[in-house]
PDB file of all heavy atoms in Angstrom:
ATOM      1  N   TYR A   1       0.794  -1.202  -0.023  1.00  0.00           N
ATOM      2  CA  TYR A   1       0.033  -0.039  -0.010  1.00  0.00           C
ATOM      3  C   TYR A   1       0.878   1.292  -0.012  1.00  0.00           C
ATOM      4  O   TYR A   1       0.458   2.322   0.495  1.00  0.00           O
ATOM      5  CB  TYR A   1      -0.933  -0.011   1.227  1.00  0.00           C
ATOM      6  CG  TYR A   1      -1.612  -1.367   1.322  1.00  0.00           C
ATOM      7  CD1 TYR A   1      -1.368  -2.214   2.448  1.00  0.00           C
ATOM      8  CD2 TYR A   1      -2.514  -1.843   0.335  1.00  0.00           C
ATOM      9  CE1 TYR A   1      -1.977  -3.471   2.513  1.00  0.00           C
ATOM     10  CE2 TYR A   1      -3.081  -3.059   0.454  1.00  0.00           C
ATOM     11  CZ  TYR A   1      -2.826  -3.872   1.562  1.00  0.00           C
ATOM     12  OH  TYR A   1      -3.411  -5.103   1.613  1.00  0.00           O
ATOM     13  N   ALA A   2       2.101   1.169  -0.623  1.00  0.00           N
ATOM     14  CA  ALA A   2       2.998   2.259  -0.582  1.00  0.00           C
ATOM     15  C   ALA A   2       2.529   3.494  -1.370  1.00  0.00           C
ATOM     16  O   ALA A   2       2.781   4.640  -0.992  1.00  0.00           O
ATOM     17  CB  ALA A   2       4.352   1.783  -1.177  1.00  0.00           C
ATOM     18  N   GLY A   3       1.833   3.273  -2.484  1.00  0.00           N
ATOM     19  CA  GLY A   3       1.340   4.406  -3.270  1.00  0.00           C
ATOM     20  C   GLY A   3       2.260   4.991  -4.266  1.00  0.00           C
ATOM     21  O   GLY A   3       1.849   5.878  -5.064  1.00  0.00           O
ATOM     22  N   SER A   4       3.532   4.529  -4.307  1.00  0.00           N
ATOM     23  CA  SER A   4       4.505   5.131  -5.231  1.00  0.00           C
ATOM     24  C   SER A   4       4.050   4.987  -6.626  1.00  0.00           C
ATOM     25  O   SER A   4       4.443   5.815  -7.525  1.00  0.00           O
ATOM     26  CB  SER A   4       5.864   4.380  -5.027  1.00  0.00           C
ATOM     27  OG  SER A   4       6.816   4.827  -5.949  1.00  0.00           O
ATOM     28  N   GLU A   5       3.268   3.981  -6.951  1.00  0.00           N
ATOM     29  CA  GLU A   5       2.815   3.722  -8.305  1.00  0.00           C
ATOM     30  C   GLU A   5       1.981   4.883  -8.923  1.00  0.00           C
ATOM     31  O   GLU A   5       1.872   4.995 -10.124  1.00  0.00           O
ATOM     32  CB  GLU A   5       2.030   2.444  -8.394  1.00  0.00           C
ATOM     33  CG  GLU A   5       0.699   2.450  -7.624  1.00  0.00           C
ATOM     34  CD  GLU A   5       0.808   2.151  -6.179  1.00  0.00           C
ATOM     35  OE1 GLU A   5       1.939   1.923  -5.680  1.00  0.00           O
ATOM     36  OE2 GLU A   5      -0.240   2.203  -5.512  1.00  0.00           O
ATOM     37  N   ALA A   6       1.420   5.711  -8.055  1.00  0.00           N
ATOM     38  CA  ALA A   6       0.518   6.758  -8.537  1.00  0.00           C
ATOM     39  C   ALA A   6       1.157   8.133  -8.476  1.00  0.00           C
ATOM     40  O   ALA A   6       0.507   9.134  -8.632  1.00  0.00           O
ATOM     41  CB  ALA A   6      -0.780   6.736  -7.755  1.00  0.00           C
ATOM     42  N   THR A   7       2.475   8.182  -8.299  1.00  0.00           N
ATOM     43  CA  THR A   7       3.163   9.440  -8.179  1.00  0.00           C
ATOM     44  C   THR A   7       4.206   9.614  -9.294  1.00  0.00           C
ATOM     45  O   THR A   7       4.694   8.617  -9.827  1.00  0.00           O
ATOM     46  CB  THR A   7       3.851   9.607  -6.821  1.00  0.00           C
ATOM     47  OG1 THR A   7       5.106   8.942  -6.829  1.00  0.00           O
ATOM     48  CG2 THR A   7       2.985   9.188  -5.674  1.00  0.00           C
ATOM     49  N   ASN A   8       4.535  10.885  -9.596  1.00  0.00           N
ATOM     50  CA  ASN A   8       5.650  11.180 -10.497  1.00  0.00           C
ATOM     51  C   ASN A   8       6.947  11.583  -9.723  1.00  0.00           C
ATOM     52  O   ASN A   8       7.775  12.300 -10.195  1.00  0.00           O
ATOM     53  CB  ASN A   8       5.263  12.310 -11.425  1.00  0.00           C
ATOM     54  CG  ASN A   8       4.865  13.628 -10.655  1.00  0.00           C
ATOM     55  OD1 ASN A   8       4.790  13.597  -9.424  1.00  0.00           O
ATOM     56  ND2 ASN A   8       4.596  14.643 -11.423  1.00  0.00           N
ATOM     57  N   VAL A   9       7.054  11.002  -8.505  1.00  0.00           N
ATOM     58  CA  VAL A   9       8.132  11.314  -7.633  1.00  0.00           C
ATOM     59  C   VAL A   9       9.100  10.158  -7.637  1.00  0.00           C
ATOM     60  O   VAL A   9       8.738   8.980  -7.542  1.00  0.00           O
ATOM     61  CB  VAL A   9       7.626  11.541  -6.163  1.00  0.00           C
ATOM     62  CG1 VAL A   9       8.842  11.795  -5.239  1.00  0.00           C
ATOM     63  CG2 VAL A   9       6.673  12.678  -6.116  1.00  0.00           C
ATOM     64  N   TRP A  10      10.451  10.435  -7.782  1.00  0.00           N
ATOM     65  CA  TRP A  10      11.443   9.444  -7.738  1.00  0.00           C
ATOM     66  C   TRP A  10      12.333   9.652  -6.499  1.00  0.00           C
ATOM     67  O   TRP A  10      12.370  10.740  -5.964  1.00  0.00           O
ATOM     68  CB  TRP A  10      12.322   9.508  -8.996  1.00  0.00           C
ATOM     69  CG  TRP A  10      12.960  10.797  -9.300  1.00  0.00           C
ATOM     70  CD1 TRP A  10      12.444  11.782 -10.103  1.00  0.00           C
ATOM     71  CD2 TRP A  10      14.184  11.258  -8.713  1.00  0.00           C
ATOM     72  NE1 TRP A  10      13.296  12.839 -10.149  1.00  0.00           N
ATOM     73  CE2 TRP A  10      14.396  12.625  -9.291  1.00  0.00           C
ATOM     74  CE3 TRP A  10      15.120  10.781  -7.887  1.00  0.00           C
ATOM     75  CZ2 TRP A  10      15.499  13.401  -8.998  1.00  0.00           C
ATOM     76  CZ3 TRP A  10      16.204  11.593  -7.543  1.00  0.00           C
ATOM     77  CH2 TRP A  10      16.358  12.862  -8.082  1.00  0.00           C
ATOM     78  N   GLY A  11      13.057   8.602  -6.094  1.00  0.00           N
ATOM     79  CA  GLY A  11      13.937   8.718  -4.955  1.00  0.00           C
ATOM     80  C   GLY A  11      15.173   7.842  -5.180  1.00  0.00           C
ATOM     81  O   GLY A  11      15.023   6.643  -5.591  1.00  0.00           O
ATOM     82  N   LEU A  12      16.344   8.397  -4.952  1.00  0.00           N
ATOM     83  CA  LEU A  12      17.604   7.661  -5.063  1.00  0.00           C
ATOM     84  C   LEU A  12      18.463   7.954  -3.873  1.00  0.00           C
ATOM     85  O   LEU A  12      18.481   9.061  -3.294  1.00  0.00           O
ATOM     86  CB  LEU A  12      18.377   8.082  -6.339  1.00  0.00           C
ATOM     87  CG  LEU A  12      17.758   7.669  -7.680  1.00  0.00           C
ATOM     88  CD1 LEU A  12      18.455   8.347  -8.823  1.00  0.00           C
ATOM     89  CD2 LEU A  12      17.840   6.139  -7.881  1.00  0.00           C
ATOM     90  N   THR A  13      19.237   6.963  -3.425  1.00  0.00           N
ATOM     91  CA  THR A  13      20.092   7.142  -2.295  1.00  0.00           C
ATOM     92  C   THR A  13      21.610   6.980  -2.723  1.00  0.00           C
ATOM     93  O   THR A  13      21.935   6.032  -3.417  1.00  0.00           O
ATOM     94  CB  THR A  13      19.850   6.084  -1.177  1.00  0.00           C
ATOM     95  OG1 THR A  13      18.473   6.254  -0.773  1.00  0.00           O
ATOM     96  CG2 THR A  13      20.727   6.317   0.018  1.00  0.00           C
ATOM     97  N   GLU A  14      22.388   7.973  -2.397  1.00  0.00           N
ATOM     98  CA  GLU A  14      23.793   7.975  -2.729  1.00  0.00           C
ATOM     99  C   GLU A  14      24.573   8.581  -1.575  1.00  0.00           C
ATOM    100  O   GLU A  14      24.243   9.616  -1.041  1.00  0.00           O
ATOM    101  CB  GLU A  14      24.068   8.787  -3.960  1.00  0.00           C
ATOM    102  CG  GLU A  14      25.501   8.750  -4.467  1.00  0.00           C
ATOM    103  CD  GLU A  14      25.703   9.476  -5.795  1.00  0.00           C
ATOM    104  OE1 GLU A  14      24.764  10.163  -6.287  1.00  0.00           O
ATOM    105  OE2 GLU A  14      26.820   9.307  -6.365  1.00  0.00           O
ATOM    106  N   ALA A  15      25.614   7.823  -1.134  1.00  0.00           N
ATOM    107  CA  ALA A  15      26.424   8.239  -0.019  1.00  0.00           C
ATOM    108  C   ALA A  15      25.573   8.551   1.192  1.00  0.00           C
ATOM    109  O   ALA A  15      25.784   9.600   1.892  1.00  0.00           O
ATOM    110  CB  ALA A  15      27.334   9.458  -0.360  1.00  0.00           C
ATOM    111  N   SER A  16      24.640   7.682   1.550  1.00  0.00           N
ATOM    112  CA  SER A  16      23.754   7.808   2.704  1.00  0.00           C
ATOM    113  C   SER A  16      22.891   9.012   2.701  1.00  0.00           C
ATOM    114  O   SER A  16      22.367   9.470   3.769  1.00  0.00           O
ATOM    115  CB  SER A  16      24.604   7.822   3.993  1.00  0.00           C
ATOM    116  OG  SER A  16      25.322   6.621   4.161  1.00  0.00           O
ATOM    117  N   ARG A  17      22.599   9.624   1.507  1.00  0.00           N
ATOM    118  CA  ARG A  17      21.660  10.726   1.384  1.00  0.00           C
ATOM    119  C   ARG A  17      20.637  10.337   0.339  1.00  0.00           C
ATOM    120  O   ARG A  17      20.964  10.040  -0.771  1.00  0.00           O
ATOM    121  CB  ARG A  17      22.415  12.010   0.987  1.00  0.00           C
ATOM    122  CG  ARG A  17      23.330  12.602   2.068  1.00  0.00           C
ATOM    123  CD  ARG A  17      22.539  13.096   3.267  1.00  0.00           C
ATOM    124  NE  ARG A  17      23.407  13.659   4.292  1.00  0.00           N
ATOM    125  CZ  ARG A  17      23.776  14.882   4.428  1.00  0.00           C
ATOM    126  NH1 ARG A  17      23.329  15.778   3.507  1.00  0.00           N
ATOM    127  NH2 ARG A  17      24.563  15.302   5.397  1.00  0.00           N
ATOM    128  N   LYS A  18      19.322  10.447   0.764  1.00  0.00           N
ATOM    129  CA  LYS A  18      18.260  10.137  -0.128  1.00  0.00           C
ATOM    130  C   LYS A  18      17.791  11.421  -0.770  1.00  0.00           C
ATOM    131  O   LYS A  18      17.437  12.400  -0.100  1.00  0.00           O
ATOM    132  CB  LYS A  18      17.112   9.468   0.554  1.00  0.00           C
ATOM    133  CG  LYS A  18      15.973   9.026  -0.375  1.00  0.00           C
ATOM    134  CD  LYS A  18      15.005   8.116   0.279  1.00  0.00           C
ATOM    135  CE  LYS A  18      14.013   7.533  -0.678  1.00  0.00           C
ATOM    136  NZ  LYS A  18      12.998   6.610  -0.065  1.00  0.00           N
ATOM    137  N   THR A  19      17.807  11.443  -2.119  1.00  0.00           N
ATOM    138  CA  THR A  19      17.367  12.558  -2.852  1.00  0.00           C
ATOM    139  C   THR A  19      16.081  12.194  -3.623  1.00  0.00           C
ATOM    140  O   THR A  19      15.932  11.098  -4.123  1.00  0.00           O
ATOM    141  CB  THR A  19      18.431  12.974  -3.910  1.00  0.00           C
ATOM    142  OG1 THR A  19      19.675  13.277  -3.290  1.00  0.00           O
ATOM    143  CG2 THR A  19      17.983  14.202  -4.714  1.00  0.00           C
ATOM    144  N   THR A  20      15.113  13.182  -3.601  1.00  0.00           N
ATOM    145  CA  THR A  20      13.883  12.874  -4.267  1.00  0.00           C
ATOM    146  C   THR A  20      13.669  14.046  -5.284  1.00  0.00           C
ATOM    147  O   THR A  20      14.218  15.159  -5.162  1.00  0.00           O
ATOM    148  CB  THR A  20      12.692  12.804  -3.322  1.00  0.00           C
ATOM    149  OG1 THR A  20      12.568  14.059  -2.616  1.00  0.00           O
ATOM    150  CG2 THR A  20      12.826  11.711  -2.339  1.00  0.00           C
ATOM    151  N   GLY A  21      12.910  13.768  -6.291  1.00  0.00           N
ATOM    152  CA  GLY A  21      12.534  14.743  -7.283  1.00  0.00           C
ATOM    153  C   GLY A  21      11.271  14.414  -7.991  1.00  0.00           C
ATOM    154  O   GLY A  21      10.687  13.349  -7.769  1.00  0.00           O
ATOM    155  N   VAL A  22      10.877  15.207  -8.970  1.00  0.00           N
ATOM    156  CA  VAL A  22       9.666  15.039  -9.755  1.00  0.00           C
ATOM    157  C   VAL A  22      10.069  15.007 -11.185  1.00  0.00           C
ATOM    158  O   VAL A  22      10.788  15.820 -11.685  1.00  0.00           O
ATOM    159  CB  VAL A  22       8.659  16.169  -9.478  1.00  0.00           C
ATOM    160  CG1 VAL A  22       7.477  16.064 -10.407  1.00  0.00           C
ATOM    161  CG2 VAL A  22       8.182  16.135  -7.981  1.00  0.00           C
ATOM    162  N   ASP A  23       9.515  14.013 -11.898  1.00  0.00           N
ATOM    163  CA  ASP A  23       9.718  13.900 -13.352  1.00  0.00           C
ATOM    164  C   ASP A  23       8.564  13.140 -13.977  1.00  0.00           C
ATOM    165  O   ASP A  23       8.220  12.081 -13.555  1.00  0.00           O
ATOM    166  CB  ASP A  23      11.046  13.118 -13.600  1.00  0.00           C
ATOM    167  CG  ASP A  23      11.485  13.076 -15.050  1.00  0.00           C
ATOM    168  OD1 ASP A  23      10.642  13.204 -15.932  1.00  0.00           O
ATOM    169  OD2 ASP A  23      12.708  12.920 -15.295  1.00  0.00           O
ATOM    170  N   ALA A  24       7.900  13.733 -14.974  1.00  0.00           N
ATOM    171  CA  ALA A  24       6.742  13.152 -15.615  1.00  0.00           C
ATOM    172  C   ALA A  24       7.055  11.809 -16.163  1.00  0.00           C
ATOM    173  O   ALA A  24       6.169  10.925 -16.275  1.00  0.00           O
ATOM    174  CB  ALA A  24       6.226  14.084 -16.682  1.00  0.00           C
ATOM    175  N   ALA A  25       8.325  11.567 -16.526  1.00  0.00           N
ATOM    176  CA  ALA A  25       8.676  10.216 -17.158  1.00  0.00           C
ATOM    177  C   ALA A  25       8.585   9.101 -16.190  1.00  0.00           C
ATOM    178  O   ALA A  25       8.514   7.924 -16.618  1.00  0.00           O
ATOM    179  CB  ALA A  25      10.118  10.348 -17.751  1.00  0.00           C
ATOM    180  N   VAL A  26       8.635   9.347 -14.904  1.00  0.00           N
ATOM    181  CA  VAL A  26       8.618   8.191 -13.962  1.00  0.00           C
ATOM    182  C   VAL A  26       7.216   7.841 -13.488  1.00  0.00           C
ATOM    183  O   VAL A  26       7.018   6.893 -12.742  1.00  0.00           O
ATOM    184  CB  VAL A  26       9.490   8.498 -12.684  1.00  0.00           C
ATOM    185  CG1 VAL A  26      10.868   8.987 -13.077  1.00  0.00           C
ATOM    186  CG2 VAL A  26       8.838   9.511 -11.800  1.00  0.00           C
ATOM    187  N   LEU A  27       6.199   8.539 -13.955  1.00  0.00           N
ATOM    188  CA  LEU A  27       4.794   8.247 -13.608  1.00  0.00           C
ATOM    189  C   LEU A  27       4.414   7.005 -14.393  1.00  0.00           C
ATOM    190  O   LEU A  27       4.406   7.091 -15.664  1.00  0.00           O
ATOM    191  CB  LEU A  27       3.887   9.430 -13.890  1.00  0.00           C
ATOM    192  CG  LEU A  27       2.390   9.201 -13.637  1.00  0.00           C
ATOM    193  CD1 LEU A  27       2.160   9.161 -12.148  1.00  0.00           C
ATOM    194  CD2 LEU A  27       1.546  10.224 -14.314  1.00  0.00           C
ATOM    195  N   PRO A  28       4.079   5.907 -13.789  1.00  0.00           N
ATOM    196  CA  PRO A  28       3.616   4.754 -14.572  1.00  0.00           C
ATOM    197  C   PRO A  28       2.418   5.086 -15.410  1.00  0.00           C
ATOM    198  O   PRO A  28       1.543   5.824 -15.038  1.00  0.00           O
ATOM    199  CB  PRO A  28       3.226   3.718 -13.482  1.00  0.00           C
ATOM    200  CG  PRO A  28       4.123   4.083 -12.279  1.00  0.00           C
ATOM    201  CD  PRO A  28       4.206   5.587 -12.284  1.00  0.00           C
ATOM    202  N   VAL A  29       2.426   4.550 -16.659  1.00  0.00           N
ATOM    203  CA  VAL A  29       1.313   4.869 -17.542  1.00  0.00           C
ATOM    204  C   VAL A  29       0.077   4.077 -17.169  1.00  0.00           C
ATOM    205  O   VAL A  29      -1.060   4.508 -17.382  1.00  0.00           O
ATOM    206  CB  VAL A  29       1.666   4.530 -19.030  1.00  0.00           C
ATOM    207  CG1 VAL A  29       2.804   5.339 -19.483  1.00  0.00           C
ATOM    208  CG2 VAL A  29       2.044   3.020 -19.182  1.00  0.00           C
ATOM    209  N   THR A  30       0.286   2.954 -16.467  1.00  0.00           N
ATOM    210  CA  THR A  30      -0.839   2.137 -16.029  1.00  0.00           C
ATOM    211  C   THR A  30      -0.547   1.563 -14.694  1.00  0.00           C
ATOM    212  O   THR A  30       0.624   1.116 -14.384  1.00  0.00           O
ATOM    213  CB  THR A  30      -1.096   0.989 -17.009  1.00  0.00           C
ATOM    214  OG1 THR A  30      -1.315   1.511 -18.331  1.00  0.00           O
ATOM    215  CG2 THR A  30      -2.267   0.072 -16.600  1.00  0.00           C
ATOM    216  N   ILE A  31      -1.588   1.504 -13.836  1.00  0.00           N
ATOM    217  CA  ILE A  31      -1.487   0.770 -12.549  1.00  0.00           C
ATOM    218  C   ILE A  31      -2.466  -0.361 -12.603  1.00  0.00           C
ATOM    219  O   ILE A  31      -3.600  -0.216 -13.006  1.00  0.00           O
ATOM    220  CB  ILE A  31      -1.819   1.631 -11.368  1.00  0.00           C
ATOM    221  CG1 ILE A  31      -1.014   2.958 -11.381  1.00  0.00           C
ATOM    222  CG2 ILE A  31      -1.538   0.889 -10.057  1.00  0.00           C
ATOM    223  CD1 ILE A  31      -1.527   3.895 -10.309  1.00  0.00           C
ATOM    224  N   ILE A  32      -1.958  -1.577 -12.236  1.00  0.00           N
ATOM    225  CA  ILE A  32      -2.843  -2.731 -12.142  1.00  0.00           C
ATOM    226  C   ILE A  32      -2.957  -3.134 -10.671  1.00  0.00           C
ATOM    227  O   ILE A  32      -1.999  -3.566 -10.036  1.00  0.00           O
ATOM    228  CB  ILE A  32      -2.323  -3.901 -12.995  1.00  0.00           C
ATOM    229  CG1 ILE A  32      -2.322  -3.526 -14.500  1.00  0.00           C
ATOM    230  CG2 ILE A  32      -3.120  -5.182 -12.738  1.00  0.00           C
ATOM    231  CD1 ILE A  32      -1.622  -4.527 -15.359  1.00  0.00           C
ATOM    232  N   TYR A  33      -4.130  -2.934 -10.118  1.00  0.00           N
ATOM    233  CA  TYR A  33      -4.341  -3.299  -8.693  1.00  0.00           C
ATOM    234  C   TYR A  33      -5.128  -4.612  -8.652  1.00  0.00           C
ATOM    235  O   TYR A  33      -6.128  -4.846  -9.277  1.00  0.00           O
ATOM    236  CB  TYR A  33      -5.254  -2.196  -8.035  1.00  0.00           C
ATOM    237  CG  TYR A  33      -4.491  -0.928  -7.711  1.00  0.00           C
ATOM    238  CD1 TYR A  33      -4.858   0.266  -8.338  1.00  0.00           C
ATOM    239  CD2 TYR A  33      -3.480  -0.877  -6.731  1.00  0.00           C
ATOM    240  CE1 TYR A  33      -4.199   1.445  -8.044  1.00  0.00           C
ATOM    241  CE2 TYR A  33      -2.840   0.298  -6.436  1.00  0.00           C
ATOM    242  CZ  TYR A  33      -3.158   1.465  -7.077  1.00  0.00           C
ATOM    243  OH  TYR A  33      -2.544   2.661  -6.814  1.00  0.00           O
ATOM    244  N   ASP A  34      -4.599  -5.495  -7.786  1.00  0.00           N
ATOM    245  CA  ASP A  34      -5.244  -6.823  -7.597  1.00  0.00           C
ATOM    246  C   ASP A  34      -5.022  -7.214  -6.124  1.00  0.00           C
ATOM    247  O   ASP A  34      -3.912  -7.520  -5.704  1.00  0.00           O
ATOM    248  CB  ASP A  34      -4.560  -7.859  -8.509  1.00  0.00           C
ATOM    249  CG  ASP A  34      -5.184  -9.252  -8.436  1.00  0.00           C
ATOM    250  OD1 ASP A  34      -5.878  -9.550  -7.461  1.00  0.00           O
ATOM    251  OD2 ASP A  34      -4.964 -10.042  -9.375  1.00  0.00           O
ATOM    252  N   ALA A  35      -6.076  -7.203  -5.358  1.00  0.00           N
ATOM    253  CA  ALA A  35      -5.992  -7.402  -3.938  1.00  0.00           C
ATOM    254  C   ALA A  35      -5.417  -8.799  -3.651  1.00  0.00           C
ATOM    255  O   ALA A  35      -4.794  -9.047  -2.600  1.00  0.00           O
ATOM    256  CB  ALA A  35      -7.311  -7.217  -3.275  1.00  0.00           C
ATOM    257  N   ALA A  36      -5.573  -9.757  -4.559  1.00  0.00           N
ATOM    258  CA  ALA A  36      -5.097 -11.148  -4.335  1.00  0.00           C
ATOM    259  C   ALA A  36      -3.609 -11.113  -4.226  1.00  0.00           C
ATOM    260  O   ALA A  36      -2.978 -11.999  -3.563  1.00  0.00           O
ATOM    261  CB  ALA A  36      -5.538 -12.029  -5.460  1.00  0.00           C
ATOM    262  N   LEU A  37      -2.958 -10.194  -4.845  1.00  0.00           N
ATOM    263  CA  LEU A  37      -1.467 -10.071  -4.799  1.00  0.00           C
ATOM    264  C   LEU A  37      -0.960  -9.559  -3.447  1.00  0.00           C
ATOM    265  O   LEU A  37       0.277  -9.699  -3.159  1.00  0.00           O
ATOM    266  CB  LEU A  37      -0.919  -9.195  -5.865  1.00  0.00           C
ATOM    267  CG  LEU A  37      -1.294  -9.591  -7.353  1.00  0.00           C
ATOM    268  CD1 LEU A  37      -0.682  -8.595  -8.332  1.00  0.00           C
ATOM    269  CD2 LEU A  37      -0.888 -11.013  -7.653  1.00  0.00           C
ATOM    270  N   THR A  38      -1.799  -9.009  -2.617  1.00  0.00           N
ATOM    271  CA  THR A  38      -1.420  -8.568  -1.340  1.00  0.00           C
ATOM    272  C   THR A  38      -1.627  -9.581  -0.215  1.00  0.00           C
ATOM    273  O   THR A  38      -1.276  -9.304   0.918  1.00  0.00           O
ATOM    274  CB  THR A  38      -2.139  -7.239  -0.974  1.00  0.00           C
ATOM    275  OG1 THR A  38      -3.488  -7.514  -0.712  1.00  0.00           O
ATOM    276  CG2 THR A  38      -2.019  -6.214  -2.077  1.00  0.00           C
TER     277      THR A  38
END
């Protein structure tokens, strides 16, 4: 239930620092929700 799939926010960690940003390219074009998978 993280929700990352519905955002255009990315996050990367380098040298113990997490950087986040916004980029339209990282927004999934489709989300497939299936409660059986949880």
